[in-house]
Amino acid sequence: MKNIVLASILAIASAISFGIPAQAGTTVRTYHGHYHGRPHCYVKKVRYYKHGRVYYRSVRVCR
């Protein structure tokens, strides 16, 4: 019984260890600035003042 539990724990640990590096390399940025995979970008609204008036600008932020 103890051998079955140890073997199942070892099998689960090995399956998880192979799955984590596969997910880590899904997004690769090339030297041209293009993304291969899913980029982590969002649009942020930035408030700024010009001649006493308030303006809003949309800025794309990628991390």
C-alpha atoms as a PDB file:
ATOM      1  CA  MET A   1       0.000   0.000   0.000  1.00  0.00           C
ATOM      2  CA  LYS A   2       2.823   2.364   0.871  1.00  0.00           C
ATOM      3  CA  ASN A   3       4.572   1.604  -2.434  1.00  0.00           C
ATOM      4  CA  ILE A   4       1.443   2.486  -4.428  1.00  0.00           C
ATOM      5  CA  VAL A   5       1.106   5.844  -2.661  1.00  0.00           C
ATOM      6  CA  LEU A   6       4.787   6.677  -3.214  1.00  0.00           C
ATOM      7  CA  ALA A   7       4.600   5.661  -6.874  1.00  0.00           C
ATOM      8  CA  SER A   8       1.508   7.822  -7.465  1.00  0.00           C
ATOM      9  CA  ILE A   9       3.118  10.832  -5.768  1.00  0.00           C
ATOM     10  CA  LEU A  10       6.230  10.387  -7.895  1.00  0.00           C
ATOM     11  CA  ALA A  11       4.133  10.128 -11.085  1.00  0.00           C
ATOM     12  CA  ILE A  12       2.189  13.299 -10.264  1.00  0.00           C
ATOM     13  CA  ALA A  13       5.366  15.225  -9.420  1.00  0.00           C
ATOM     14  CA  SER A  14       7.036  14.220 -12.675  1.00  0.00           C
ATOM     15  CA  ALA A  15       3.962  15.182 -14.723  1.00  0.00           C
ATOM     16  CA  ILE A  16       3.818  18.618 -13.087  1.00  0.00           C
ATOM     17  CA  SER A  17       7.547  19.216 -13.572  1.00  0.00           C
ATOM     18  CA  PHE A  18       7.245  18.642 -17.334  1.00  0.00           C
ATOM     19  CA  GLY A  19       4.128  20.829 -17.653  1.00  0.00           C
ATOM     20  CA  ILE A  20       5.488  23.993 -16.041  1.00  0.00           C
ATOM     21  CA  PRO A  21       8.375  24.722 -18.490  1.00  0.00           C
ATOM     22  CA  ALA A  22       6.038  24.173 -21.438  1.00  0.00           C
ATOM     23  CA  GLN A  23       3.809  27.023 -20.239  1.00  0.00           C
ATOM     24  CA  ALA A  24       6.700  29.347 -19.423  1.00  0.00           C
ATOM     25  CA  GLY A  25       7.905  29.630 -23.023  1.00  0.00           C
ATOM     26  CA  THR A  26       4.653  30.574 -24.768  1.00  0.00           C
ATOM     27  CA  THR A  27       5.538  34.268 -25.256  1.00  0.00           C
ATOM     28  CA  VAL A  28       8.816  35.107 -26.968  1.00  0.00           C
ATOM     29  CA  ARG A  29       9.774  38.626 -28.009  1.00  0.00           C
ATOM     30  CA  THR A  30      12.078  38.951 -30.977  1.00  0.00           C
ATOM     31  CA  TYR A  31      14.658  41.671 -31.562  1.00  0.00           C
ATOM     32  CA  HIS A  32      12.248  43.523 -33.870  1.00  0.00           C
ATOM     33  CA  GLY A  33       9.805  44.021 -31.011  1.00  0.00           C
ATOM     34  CA  HIS A  34       7.226  41.574 -32.383  1.00  0.00           C
ATOM     35  CA  TYR A  35       5.621  38.970 -30.181  1.00  0.00           C
ATOM     36  CA  HIS A  36       5.305  35.292 -30.978  1.00  0.00           C
ATOM     37  CA  GLY A  37       2.605  33.895 -28.766  1.00  0.00           C
ATOM     38  CA  ARG A  38       0.216  35.859 -26.603  1.00  0.00           C
ATOM     39  CA  PRO A  39       1.545  39.310 -25.597  1.00  0.00           C
ATOM     40  CA  HIS A  40       0.620  40.701 -22.205  1.00  0.00           C
ATOM     41  CA  CYS A  41      -0.611  44.140 -23.255  1.00  0.00           C
ATOM     42  CA  TYR A  42      -3.343  46.439 -22.071  1.00  0.00           C
ATOM     43  CA  VAL A  43      -4.541  49.960 -22.852  1.00  0.00           C
ATOM     44  CA  LYS A  44      -4.113  52.521 -20.093  1.00  0.00           C
ATOM     45  CA  LYS A  45      -5.792  55.946 -19.961  1.00  0.00           C
ATOM     46  CA  VAL A  46      -3.326  58.703 -19.060  1.00  0.00           C
ATOM     47  CA  ARG A  47      -4.462  62.144 -17.905  1.00  0.00           C
ATOM     48  CA  TYR A  48      -2.264  65.119 -18.743  1.00  0.00           C
ATOM     49  CA  TYR A  49      -2.578  68.887 -18.621  1.00  0.00           C
ATOM     50  CA  LYS A  50      -1.886  71.271 -21.492  1.00  0.00           C
ATOM     51  CA  HIS A  51      -2.442  75.026 -21.203  1.00  0.00           C
ATOM     52  CA  GLY A  52      -4.596  74.536 -18.121  1.00  0.00           C
ATOM     53  CA  ARG A  53      -6.937  71.997 -19.717  1.00  0.00           C
ATOM     54  CA  VAL A  54      -7.227  68.292 -18.963  1.00  0.00           C
ATOM     55  CA  TYR A  55      -6.674  65.822 -21.802  1.00  0.00           C
ATOM     56  CA  TYR A  56      -6.773  62.027 -21.870  1.00  0.00           C
ATOM     57  CA  ARG A  57      -4.572  59.812 -23.976  1.00  0.00           C
ATOM     58  CA  SER A  58      -4.647  56.053 -24.498  1.00  0.00           C
ATOM     59  CA  VAL A  59      -1.286  54.351 -24.029  1.00  0.00           C
ATOM     60  CA  ARG A  60      -0.529  50.713 -24.838  1.00  0.00           C
ATOM     61  CA  VAL A  61       1.500  49.017 -22.096  1.00  0.00           C
ATOM     62  CA  CYS A  62       3.153  45.645 -22.791  1.00  0.00           C
ATOM     63  CA  ARG A  63       4.983  43.687 -20.126  1.00  0.00           C
END
